[in-house]
PDB file of N, CA and C in Angstrom:
ATOM      1  N   UNK A   1       0.383  21.580 -20.842  1.00  0.00           N
ATOM      2  CA  UNK A   1      -0.248  22.235 -21.653  1.00  0.00           C
ATOM      3  C   UNK A   1       0.871  23.630 -21.302  1.00  0.00           C
ATOM      4  N   UNK A   2       0.430  24.907 -23.089  1.00  0.00           N
ATOM      5  CA  UNK A   2       1.424  26.047 -22.718  1.00  0.00           C
ATOM      6  C   UNK A   2       1.166  27.264 -22.014  1.00  0.00           C
ATOM      7  N   UNK A   3       2.425  27.770 -21.756  1.00  0.00           N
ATOM      8  CA  UNK A   3       2.084  29.107 -21.286  1.00  0.00           C
ATOM      9  C   UNK A   3       0.816  30.321 -21.094  1.00  0.00           C
ATOM     10  N   UNK A   4       0.338  30.111 -22.379  1.00  0.00           N
ATOM     11  CA  UNK A   4      -0.062  30.925 -23.564  1.00  0.00           C
ATOM     12  C   UNK A   4      -1.430  30.306 -23.240  1.00  0.00           C
ATOM     13  N   UNK A   5      -2.075  29.158 -23.009  1.00  0.00           N
ATOM     14  CA  UNK A   5      -2.665  28.756 -22.509  1.00  0.00           C
ATOM     15  C   UNK A   5      -3.749  28.845 -21.290  1.00  0.00           C
ATOM     16  N   UNK A   6      -2.879  28.700 -20.232  1.00  0.00           N
ATOM     17  CA  UNK A   6      -2.925  28.988 -18.846  1.00  0.00           C
ATOM     18  C   UNK A   6      -3.260  30.051 -18.843  1.00  0.00           C
ATOM     19  N   UNK A   7      -2.886  30.929 -19.810  1.00  0.00           N
ATOM     20  CA  UNK A   7      -2.957  32.418 -19.295  1.00  0.00           C
ATOM     21  C   UNK A   7      -4.664  32.780 -19.719  1.00  0.00           C
ATOM     22  N   UNK A   8      -4.966  32.381 -21.087  1.00  0.00           N
ATOM     23  CA  UNK A   8      -6.307  31.826 -21.291  1.00  0.00           C
ATOM     24  C   UNK A   8      -6.989  31.964 -20.929  1.00  0.00           C
ATOM     25  N   UNK A   9      -6.961  30.515 -19.995  1.00  0.00           N
ATOM     26  CA  UNK A   9      -8.248  30.228 -19.036  1.00  0.00           C
ATOM     27  C   UNK A   9      -8.279  30.474 -18.163  1.00  0.00           C
ATOM     28  N   UNK A  10      -7.392  31.439 -17.250  1.00  0.00           N
ATOM     29  CA  UNK A  10      -7.554  32.113 -16.304  1.00  0.00           C
ATOM     30  C   UNK A  10      -8.175  33.169 -16.999  1.00  0.00           C
ATOM     31  N   UNK A  11      -7.595  33.716 -17.933  1.00  0.00           N
ATOM     32  CA  UNK A  11      -8.147  35.186 -17.947  1.00  0.00           C
ATOM     33  C   UNK A  11      -9.916  35.173 -18.630  1.00  0.00           C
ATOM     34  N   UNK A  12      -9.984  33.868 -18.758  1.00  0.00           N
ATOM     35  CA  UNK A  12     -11.919  34.050 -18.622  1.00  0.00           C
ATOM     36  C   UNK A  12     -12.211  33.328 -17.345  1.00  0.00           C
ATOM     37  N   UNK A  13     -11.951  32.714 -16.683  1.00  0.00           N
ATOM     38  CA  UNK A  13     -12.009  32.318 -15.445  1.00  0.00           C
ATOM     39  C   UNK A  13     -12.210  33.202 -14.770  1.00  0.00           C
ATOM     40  N   UNK A  14     -11.509  35.047 -14.596  1.00  0.00           N
ATOM     41  CA  UNK A  14     -12.087  35.592 -14.700  1.00  0.00           C
ATOM     42  C   UNK A  14     -12.790  36.156 -14.534  1.00  0.00           C
ATOM     43  N   UNK A  15     -12.638  36.925 -16.349  1.00  0.00           N
ATOM     44  CA  UNK A  15     -14.398  37.442 -16.194  1.00  0.00           C
ATOM     45  C   UNK A  15     -15.285  36.652 -16.130  1.00  0.00           C
ATOM     46  N   UNK A  16     -15.136  35.348 -16.102  1.00  0.00           N
ATOM     47  CA  UNK A  16     -16.559  34.899 -16.681  1.00  0.00           C
ATOM     48  C   UNK A  16     -17.160  35.209 -13.891  1.00  0.00           C
ATOM     49  N   UNK A  17     -16.080  35.203 -13.446  1.00  0.00           N
ATOM     50  CA  UNK A  17     -15.871  35.417 -11.966  1.00  0.00           C
ATOM     51  C   UNK A  17     -16.812  36.578 -11.639  1.00  0.00           C
ATOM     52  N   UNK A  18     -16.317  37.906 -13.162  1.00  0.00           N
ATOM     53  CA  UNK A  18     -16.430  38.435 -12.334  1.00  0.00           C
ATOM     54  C   UNK A  18     -18.074  39.421 -13.517  1.00  0.00           C
ATOM     55  N   UNK A  19     -18.569  38.353 -13.908  1.00  0.00           N
ATOM     56  CA  UNK A  19     -19.521  38.315 -14.917  1.00  0.00           C
ATOM     57  C   UNK A  19     -21.070  37.825 -13.769  1.00  0.00           C
ATOM     58  N   UNK A  20     -20.094  36.875 -13.281  1.00  0.00           N
ATOM     59  CA  UNK A  20     -21.180  36.511 -11.899  1.00  0.00           C
ATOM     60  C   UNK A  20     -21.539  37.365 -11.308  1.00  0.00           C
ATOM     61  N   UNK A  21     -20.514  37.874 -10.820  1.00  0.00           N
ATOM     62  CA  UNK A  21     -20.712  38.918  -9.504  1.00  0.00           C
ATOM     63  C   UNK A  21     -21.602  40.517  -9.592  1.00  0.00           C
ATOM     64  N   UNK A  22     -21.173  40.547 -11.009  1.00  0.00           N
ATOM     65  CA  UNK A  22     -22.154  42.108 -11.777  1.00  0.00           C
ATOM     66  C   UNK A  22     -23.564  41.717 -11.401  1.00  0.00           C
ATOM     67  N   UNK A  23     -23.705  40.259 -11.910  1.00  0.00           N
ATOM     68  CA  UNK A  23     -25.193  40.249 -12.258  1.00  0.00           C
ATOM     69  C   UNK A  23     -26.403  39.839 -10.609  1.00  0.00           C
ATOM     70  N   UNK A  24     -25.065  39.212 -10.015  1.00  0.00           N
ATOM     71  CA  UNK A  24     -25.389  38.988  -8.528  1.00  0.00           C
ATOM     72  C   UNK A  24     -25.516  40.819  -8.118  1.00  0.00           C
ATOM     73  N   UNK A  25     -24.915  41.231  -8.377  1.00  0.00           N
ATOM     74  CA  UNK A  25     -24.828  42.466  -7.265  1.00  0.00           C
ATOM     75  C   UNK A  25     -26.263  42.851  -7.945  1.00  0.00           C
ATOM     76  N   UNK A  26     -26.774  43.299  -9.734  1.00  0.00           N
ATOM     77  CA  UNK A  26     -27.058  44.187 -10.396  1.00  0.00           C
ATOM     78  C   UNK A  26     -28.901  43.814  -9.431  1.00  0.00           C
ATOM     79  N   UNK A  27     -28.773  42.332  -9.458  1.00  0.00           N
ATOM     80  CA  UNK A  27     -30.154  41.489  -9.343  1.00  0.00           C
ATOM     81  C   UNK A  27     -30.381  42.217  -8.020  1.00  0.00           C
ATOM     82  N   UNK A  28     -29.270  42.178  -6.798  1.00  0.00           N
ATOM     83  CA  UNK A  28     -29.668  42.258  -5.211  1.00  0.00           C
ATOM     84  C   UNK A  28     -29.883  43.423  -5.192  1.00  0.00           C
ATOM     85  N   UNK A  29     -29.350  44.474  -5.976  1.00  0.00           N
ATOM     86  CA  UNK A  29     -29.959  46.218  -6.195  1.00  0.00           C
ATOM     87  C   UNK A  29     -31.199  46.484  -6.939  1.00  0.00           C
ATOM     88  N   UNK A  30     -31.514  45.383  -7.946  1.00  0.00           N
ATOM     89  CA  UNK A  30     -32.645  45.800  -8.108  1.00  0.00           C
ATOM     90  C   UNK A  30     -33.767  44.850  -6.715  1.00  0.00           C
ATOM     91  N   UNK A  31     -34.009  44.032  -6.455  1.00  0.00           N
ATOM     92  CA  UNK A  31     -34.850  43.590  -5.372  1.00  0.00           C
ATOM     93  C   UNK A  31     -34.678  44.085  -4.296  1.00  0.00           C
ATOM     94  N   UNK A  32     -33.414  45.523  -4.392  1.00  0.00           N
ATOM     95  CA  UNK A  32     -33.733  46.337  -3.031  1.00  0.00           C
ATOM     96  C   UNK A  32     -33.573  47.645  -2.959  1.00  0.00           C
ATOM     97  N   UNK A  33     -34.965  47.664  -4.654  1.00  0.00           N
ATOM     98  CA  UNK A  33     -35.860  48.422  -4.491  1.00  0.00           C
ATOM     99  C   UNK A  33     -34.724  50.182  -5.876  1.00  0.00           C
ATOM    100  N   UNK A  34     -33.900  49.488  -6.131  1.00  0.00           N
ATOM    101  CA  UNK A  34     -32.718  50.474  -6.730  1.00  0.00           C
ATOM    102  C   UNK A  34     -33.754  50.430  -8.449  1.00  0.00           C
ATOM    103  N   UNK A  35     -33.953  51.760  -8.891  1.00  0.00           N
ATOM    104  CA  UNK A  35     -34.159  51.794 -10.292  1.00  0.00           C
ATOM    105  C   UNK A  35     -33.145  51.070 -11.421  1.00  0.00           C
ATOM    106  N   UNK A  36     -33.557  50.881 -12.965  1.00  0.00           N
ATOM    107  CA  UNK A  36     -32.626  50.054 -13.377  1.00  0.00           C
ATOM    108  C   UNK A  36     -31.126  50.498 -14.009  1.00  0.00           C
ATOM    109  N   UNK A  37     -31.201  52.406 -13.926  1.00  0.00           N
ATOM    110  CA  UNK A  37     -30.028  52.560 -14.346  1.00  0.00           C
ATOM    111  C   UNK A  37     -29.148  51.825 -13.166  1.00  0.00           C
ATOM    112  N   UNK A  38     -29.972  52.453 -12.000  1.00  0.00           N
ATOM    113  CA  UNK A  38     -29.187  52.429 -10.567  1.00  0.00           C
ATOM    114  C   UNK A  38     -28.335  50.847 -10.160  1.00  0.00           C
ATOM    115  N   UNK A  39     -29.477  50.128 -10.567  1.00  0.00           N
ATOM    116  CA  UNK A  39     -28.728  48.597 -10.812  1.00  0.00           C
ATOM    117  C   UNK A  39     -27.470  48.461 -11.253  1.00  0.00           C
ATOM    118  N   UNK A  40     -28.088  48.716 -12.431  1.00  0.00           N
ATOM    119  CA  UNK A  40     -27.094  48.577 -14.391  1.00  0.00           C
ATOM    120  C   UNK A  40     -25.597  49.279 -13.419  1.00  0.00           C
ATOM    121  N   UNK A  41     -25.078  50.470 -12.773  1.00  0.00           N
ATOM    122  CA  UNK A  41     -24.009  50.914 -12.397  1.00  0.00           C
ATOM    123  C   UNK A  41     -23.247  50.558 -10.927  1.00  0.00           C
ATOM    124  N   UNK A  42     -24.029  49.641 -10.143  1.00  0.00           N
ATOM    125  CA  UNK A  42     -23.896  48.830  -9.283  1.00  0.00           C
ATOM    126  C   UNK A  42     -23.500  47.605 -10.242  1.00  0.00           C
ATOM    127  N   UNK A  43     -23.877  46.942 -10.468  1.00  0.00           N
ATOM    128  CA  UNK A  43     -23.172  46.049 -11.139  1.00  0.00           C
ATOM    129  C   UNK A  43     -22.047  46.388 -12.188  1.00  0.00           C
ATOM    130  N   UNK A  44     -21.796  47.737 -12.755  1.00  0.00           N
ATOM    131  CA  UNK A  44     -20.588  47.907 -13.390  1.00  0.00           C
ATOM    132  C   UNK A  44     -19.667  48.281 -12.615  1.00  0.00           C
ATOM    133  N   UNK A  45     -20.130  48.273 -11.207  1.00  0.00           N
ATOM    134  CA  UNK A  45     -18.929  48.066 -10.441  1.00  0.00           C
ATOM    135  C   UNK A  45     -18.444  47.547  -9.831  1.00  0.00           C
ATOM    136  N   UNK A  46     -19.622  46.780  -9.319  1.00  0.00           N
ATOM    137  CA  UNK A  46     -18.887  45.164  -8.851  1.00  0.00           C
ATOM    138  C   UNK A  46     -18.013  44.315  -9.933  1.00  0.00           C
ATOM    139  N   UNK A  47     -18.327  44.907 -11.740  1.00  0.00           N
ATOM    140  CA  UNK A  47     -17.527  43.989 -12.284  1.00  0.00           C
ATOM    141  C   UNK A  47     -15.971  45.158 -12.197  1.00  0.00           C
ATOM    142  N   UNK A  48     -16.440  45.524 -12.744  1.00  0.00           N
ATOM    143  CA  UNK A  48     -15.058  46.735 -11.962  1.00  0.00           C
ATOM    144  C   UNK A  48     -14.155  45.779 -11.037  1.00  0.00           C
ATOM    145  N   UNK A  49     -14.478  45.300  -9.823  1.00  0.00           N
ATOM    146  CA  UNK A  49     -13.759  45.611  -8.363  1.00  0.00           C
ATOM    147  C   UNK A  49     -13.118  44.527  -8.359  1.00  0.00           C
ATOM    148  N   UNK A  50     -13.784  43.261  -9.177  1.00  0.00           N
ATOM    149  CA  UNK A  50     -13.802  41.844  -9.548  1.00  0.00           C
ATOM    150  C   UNK A  50     -12.202  41.842 -10.506  1.00  0.00           C
ATOM    151  N   UNK A  51     -12.355  42.740 -11.583  1.00  0.00           N
ATOM    152  CA  UNK A  51     -10.776  42.547 -12.750  1.00  0.00           C
ATOM    153  C   UNK A  51      -9.934  43.728 -11.664  1.00  0.00           C
ATOM    154  N   UNK A  52     -10.649  44.709 -10.831  1.00  0.00           N
ATOM    155  CA  UNK A  52      -9.388  45.343 -10.094  1.00  0.00           C
ATOM    156  C   UNK A  52      -8.740  44.852  -9.161  1.00  0.00           C
ATOM    157  N   UNK A  53      -9.426  43.763  -8.272  1.00  0.00           N
ATOM    158  CA  UNK A  53      -8.769  42.935  -7.142  1.00  0.00           C
ATOM    159  C   UNK A  53      -8.405  41.463  -8.169  1.00  0.00           C
ATOM    160  N   UNK A  54      -8.285  41.040  -9.333  1.00  0.00           N
ATOM    161  CA  UNK A  54      -8.192  40.064  -9.636  1.00  0.00           C
ATOM    162  C   UNK A  54      -6.687  40.992 -10.509  1.00  0.00           C
ATOM    163  N   UNK A  55      -6.431  41.584 -10.879  1.00  0.00           N
ATOM    164  CA  UNK A  55      -4.938  43.051 -11.127  1.00  0.00           C
ATOM    165  C   UNK A  55      -3.850  42.305  -9.583  1.00  0.00           C
ATOM    166  N   UNK A  56      -4.828  43.191  -8.755  1.00  0.00           N
ATOM    167  CA  UNK A  56      -3.835  43.692  -7.681  1.00  0.00           C
ATOM    168  C   UNK A  56      -3.248  42.396  -7.147  1.00  0.00           C
ATOM    169  N   UNK A  57      -4.494  41.303  -6.864  1.00  0.00           N
ATOM    170  CA  UNK A  57      -3.458  40.089  -6.667  1.00  0.00           C
ATOM    171  C   UNK A  57      -2.030  39.565  -7.791  1.00  0.00           C
ATOM    172  N   UNK A  58      -2.643  39.368  -8.842  1.00  0.00           N
ATOM    173  CA  UNK A  58      -1.558  38.740  -9.948  1.00  0.00           C
ATOM    174  C   UNK A  58      -0.523  39.513 -10.375  1.00  0.00           C
ATOM    175  N   UNK A  59      -0.662  40.993  -9.531  1.00  0.00           N
ATOM    176  CA  UNK A  59       0.931  41.854  -9.123  1.00  0.00           C
ATOM    177  C   UNK A  59       1.661  41.102  -8.158  1.00  0.00           C
ATOM    178  N   UNK A  60       0.855  41.385  -7.372  1.00  0.00           N
ATOM    179  CA  UNK A  60       1.059  40.486  -6.137  1.00  0.00           C
ATOM    180  C   UNK A  60       2.080  38.940  -6.598  1.00  0.00           C
ATOM    181  N   UNK A  61       1.210  38.234  -7.134  1.00  0.00           N
ATOM    182  CA  UNK A  61       2.044  36.839  -6.788  1.00  0.00           C
ATOM    183  C   UNK A  61       3.367  37.246  -8.210  1.00  0.00           C
ATOM    184  N   UNK A  62       3.447  37.642  -9.397  1.00  0.00           N
ATOM    185  CA  UNK A  62       4.339  38.201  -9.845  1.00  0.00           C
ATOM    186  C   UNK A  62       4.622  38.161  -9.191  1.00  0.00           C
ATOM    187  N   UNK A  63       5.847  38.231  -8.359  1.00  0.00           N
ATOM    188  CA  UNK A  63       6.743  39.148  -7.687  1.00  0.00           C
ATOM    189  C   UNK A  63       7.861  37.559  -6.936  1.00  0.00           C
ATOM    190  N   UNK A  64       6.708  36.666  -7.457  1.00  0.00           N
ATOM    191  CA  UNK A  64       7.011  35.177  -6.772  1.00  0.00           C
ATOM    192  C   UNK A  64       7.661  34.314  -7.601  1.00  0.00           C
ATOM    193  N   UNK A  65       7.102  34.438  -8.589  1.00  0.00           N
ATOM    194  CA  UNK A  65       7.285  33.271  -9.467  1.00  0.00           C
ATOM    195  C   UNK A  65       8.578  33.684 -10.746  1.00  0.00           C
ATOM    196  N   UNK A  66       9.484  32.829 -10.892  1.00  0.00           N
ATOM    197  CA  UNK A  66      11.160  32.877 -11.482  1.00  0.00           C
ATOM    198  C   UNK A  66      10.402  33.837 -12.531  1.00  0.00           C
TER     199      UNK A  66
END
């Protein structure tokens, strides 16, 4: 497997996890009684938080790669 394919598959997996977290956050916010725009904002915040966390972890782990 080439280095590019590993990077692309990992990126796709992170985006899928971010979408799942956003969907869960939006659904839970809506079930809690939030309006649709508020639930959408919470979902967007969760999506951005997961991507930010993945970028931070990648930056921290990149120090240990040759």
